[in-house]
C-alpha atoms as a PDB file:
ATOM      1  CA  MET A   1      25.381 192.180 -68.508  1.00  0.00           C
ATOM      2  CA  GLU A   2      26.618 195.051 -65.930  1.00  0.00           C
ATOM      3  CA  SER A   3      29.170 197.700 -67.353  1.00  0.00           C
ATOM      4  CA  HIS A   4      30.110 200.923 -66.864  1.00  0.00           C
ATOM      5  CA  GLY A   5      29.750 200.809 -63.256  1.00  0.00           C
ATOM      6  CA  GLU A   6      26.279 199.968 -63.126  1.00  0.00           C
ATOM      7  CA  THR A   7      24.427 198.051 -60.890  1.00  0.00           C
ATOM      8  CA  SER A   8      20.873 195.924 -60.616  1.00  0.00           C
ATOM      9  CA  LEU A   9      18.256 197.710 -60.854  1.00  0.00           C
ATOM     10  CA  PHE A  10      17.444 196.014 -57.945  1.00  0.00           C
ATOM     11  CA  VAL A  11      20.304 197.823 -55.815  1.00  0.00           C
ATOM     12  CA  CYS A  12      19.161 200.926 -57.060  1.00  0.00           C
ATOM     13  CA  ALA A  13      15.493 200.754 -56.398  1.00  0.00           C
ATOM     14  CA  LEU A  14      17.144 200.242 -53.063  1.00  0.00           C
ATOM     15  CA  TRP A  15      19.385 203.166 -52.840  1.00  0.00           C
ATOM     16  CA  MET A  16      16.343 204.975 -53.855  1.00  0.00           C
ATOM     17  CA  VAL A  17      13.632 203.941 -51.188  1.00  0.00           C
ATOM     18  CA  GLY A  18      16.372 203.688 -48.259  1.00  0.00           C
ATOM     19  CA  ILE A  19      17.701 207.210 -49.350  1.00  0.00           C
ATOM     20  CA  SER A  20      13.861 208.216 -49.375  1.00  0.00           C
ATOM     21  CA  LEU A  21      12.950 207.072 -46.541  1.00  0.00           C
ATOM     22  CA  VAL A  22      15.853 208.296 -44.173  1.00  0.00           C
ATOM     23  CA  LEU A  23      15.004 211.599 -45.516  1.00  0.00           C
ATOM     24  CA  PHE A  24      11.580 211.530 -44.648  1.00  0.00           C
ATOM     25  CA  PHE A  25      11.366 214.710 -43.005  1.00  0.00           C
ATOM     26  CA  VAL A  26      12.291 216.459 -46.507  1.00  0.00           C
ATOM     27  CA  PRO A  27       9.194 215.874 -48.459  1.00  0.00           C
ATOM     28  CA  ALA A  28       9.962 217.806 -51.212  1.00  0.00           C
ATOM     29  CA  LEU A  29      13.776 216.489 -51.599  1.00  0.00           C
ATOM     30  CA  ASN A  30      13.868 213.130 -50.125  1.00  0.00           C
ATOM     31  CA  GLY A  31      12.623 211.663 -53.565  1.00  0.00           C
ATOM     32  CA  LEU A  32      14.552 214.023 -55.988  1.00  0.00           C
ATOM     33  CA  ILE A  33      17.570 212.973 -53.747  1.00  0.00           C
ATOM     34  CA  GLY A  34      17.260 209.744 -53.723  1.00  0.00           C
ATOM     35  CA  GLY A  35      16.081 209.012 -57.496  1.00  0.00           C
ATOM     36  CA  ALA A  36      19.288 211.357 -58.228  1.00  0.00           C
ATOM     37  CA  VAL A  37      21.494 208.775 -56.614  1.00  0.00           C
ATOM     38  CA  GLY A  38      19.457 205.585 -57.710  1.00  0.00           C
ATOM     39  CA  GLY A  39      19.579 206.957 -61.094  1.00  0.00           C
ATOM     40  CA  TYR A  40      23.602 207.887 -61.344  1.00  0.00           C
ATOM     41  CA  LYS A  41      24.304 204.311 -59.489  1.00  0.00           C
ATOM     42  CA  ALA A  42      21.860 203.173 -62.520  1.00  0.00           C
ATOM     43  CA  GLY A  43      24.489 204.311 -64.880  1.00  0.00           C
ATOM     44  CA  SER A  44      21.608 205.739 -67.582  1.00  0.00           C
ATOM     45  CA  ALA A  45      18.708 207.878 -67.551  1.00  0.00           C
ATOM     46  CA  ARG A  46      16.418 204.416 -68.652  1.00  0.00           C
ATOM     47  CA  ARG A  47      18.001 202.609 -66.119  1.00  0.00           C
ATOM     48  CA  GLY A  48      17.369 204.776 -63.256  1.00  0.00           C
ATOM     49  CA  LEU A  49      13.398 205.371 -64.594  1.00  0.00           C
ATOM     50  CA  ALA A  50      13.239 201.918 -64.306  1.00  0.00           C
ATOM     51  CA  ALA A  51      14.757 201.317 -61.483  1.00  0.00           C
ATOM     52  CA  ALA A  52      12.402 204.008 -59.838  1.00  0.00           C
ATOM     53  CA  ILE A  53       9.255 202.254 -61.516  1.00  0.00           C
ATOM     54  CA  LEU A  54       9.996 199.080 -60.104  1.00  0.00           C
ATOM     55  CA  PRO A  55       9.115 199.550 -56.353  1.00  0.00           C
ATOM     56  CA  ALA A  56       5.852 200.436 -57.448  1.00  0.00           C
ATOM     57  CA  ILE A  57       5.331 197.388 -59.252  1.00  0.00           C
ATOM     58  CA  ILE A  58       6.526 195.359 -57.086  1.00  0.00           C
ATOM     59  CA  ALA A  59       4.054 196.907 -54.252  1.00  0.00           C
ATOM     60  CA  GLY A  60       1.188 196.470 -56.924  1.00  0.00           C
ATOM     61  CA  LEU A  61       1.873 192.446 -57.509  1.00  0.00           C
ATOM     62  CA  GLY A  62       2.391 192.389 -53.514  1.00  0.00           C
ATOM     63  CA  ILE A  63      -1.418 193.235 -52.652  1.00  0.00           C
ATOM     64  CA  TRP A  64      -2.461 191.396 -55.520  1.00  0.00           C
ATOM     65  CA  VAL A  65      -0.627 188.312 -54.082  1.00  0.00           C
ATOM     66  CA  LEU A  66      -1.816 188.949 -50.411  1.00  0.00           C
ATOM     67  CA  LEU A  67      -5.174 189.384 -51.460  1.00  0.00           C
ATOM     68  CA  ALA A  68      -4.960 186.402 -53.391  1.00  0.00           C
ATOM     69  CA  VAL A  69      -3.995 184.343 -50.754  1.00  0.00           C
ATOM     70  CA  LEU A  70      -6.767 185.504 -48.552  1.00  0.00           C
ATOM     71  CA  ALA A  71      -9.189 184.130 -51.517  1.00  0.00           C
ATOM     72  CA  LEU A  72      -9.796 187.890 -52.890  1.00  0.00           C
ATOM     73  CA  PRO A  73      -7.883 187.642 -56.305  1.00  0.00           C
ATOM     74  CA  VAL A  74     -10.260 190.096 -58.139  1.00  0.00           C
ATOM     75  CA  LEU A  75     -10.075 192.699 -55.016  1.00  0.00           C
ATOM     76  CA  GLY A  76      -6.699 192.442 -54.929  1.00  0.00           C
ATOM     77  CA  PHE A  77      -6.106 193.004 -58.699  1.00  0.00           C
ATOM     78  CA  PHE A  78      -7.983 196.519 -58.127  1.00  0.00           C
ATOM     79  CA  ALA A  79      -6.107 197.274 -55.122  1.00  0.00           C
ATOM     80  CA  GLY A  80      -2.619 196.218 -56.566  1.00  0.00           C
ATOM     81  CA  VAL A  81      -3.043 198.548 -59.564  1.00  0.00           C
ATOM     82  CA  ALA A  82      -4.482 200.871 -57.857  1.00  0.00           C
ATOM     83  CA  VAL A  83      -1.420 200.586 -54.983  1.00  0.00           C
ATOM     84  CA  GLY A  84       0.526 200.563 -58.066  1.00  0.00           C
ATOM     85  CA  ILE A  85      -0.534 203.874 -59.565  1.00  0.00           C
ATOM     86  CA  TRP A  86      -0.543 205.556 -56.446  1.00  0.00           C
ATOM     87  CA  ALA A  87       3.121 204.994 -56.009  1.00  0.00           C
ATOM     88  CA  LEU A  88       4.471 206.231 -59.487  1.00  0.00           C
ATOM     89  CA  LEU A  89       2.327 209.375 -58.607  1.00  0.00           C
ATOM     90  CA  SER A  90       3.251 210.156 -55.519  1.00  0.00           C
ATOM     91  CA  SER A  91       6.940 209.260 -56.704  1.00  0.00           C
ATOM     92  CA  ILE A  92       7.234 212.216 -59.351  1.00  0.00           C
ATOM     93  CA  GLY A  93      10.262 213.672 -57.631  1.00  0.00           C
ATOM     94  CA  LEU A  94      11.432 210.081 -57.504  1.00  0.00           C
ATOM     95  CA  LEU A  95      11.216 209.649 -61.130  1.00  0.00           C
ATOM     96  CA  ILE A  96      12.851 213.014 -62.021  1.00  0.00           C
ATOM     97  CA  GLY A  97      15.594 212.863 -59.475  1.00  0.00           C
ATOM     98  CA  ALA A  98      16.064 209.000 -61.152  1.00  0.00           C
ATOM     99  CA  ALA A  99      15.959 210.869 -65.067  1.00  0.00           C
ATOM    100  CA  ILE A 100      18.484 213.343 -63.592  1.00  0.00           C
ATOM    101  CA  GLY A 101      21.065 211.734 -61.608  1.00  0.00           C
ATOM    102  CA  GLY A 102      21.146 208.764 -64.769  1.00  0.00           C
ATOM    103  CA  ALA A 103      21.668 211.616 -67.413  1.00  0.00           C
ATOM    104  CA  MET A 104      24.546 212.675 -65.122  1.00  0.00           C
ATOM    105  CA  SER A 105      26.105 209.038 -65.152  1.00  0.00           C
END
């Protein structure tokens, strides 16, 4: 249940990704600002971090499903895991911002 102004994790993840994409020209701060806004909208540091991890999980599963449909499920699994890990590691600023934004709310 949503309480205290918390929005769904999916909406928070969309805020994070959207702000990060809009601020693409500021590479060091785009993830930090996007994470802070999404974490603040999430309502807590734990929910903010969960919302920051959600896009990486969706990207990994999406790659796996795409390659499984193309009859390459094993390659899809490894590619999906690799993309998921890459997305998490490249989003360090997003994760830090999500923790800060969630703690501020």
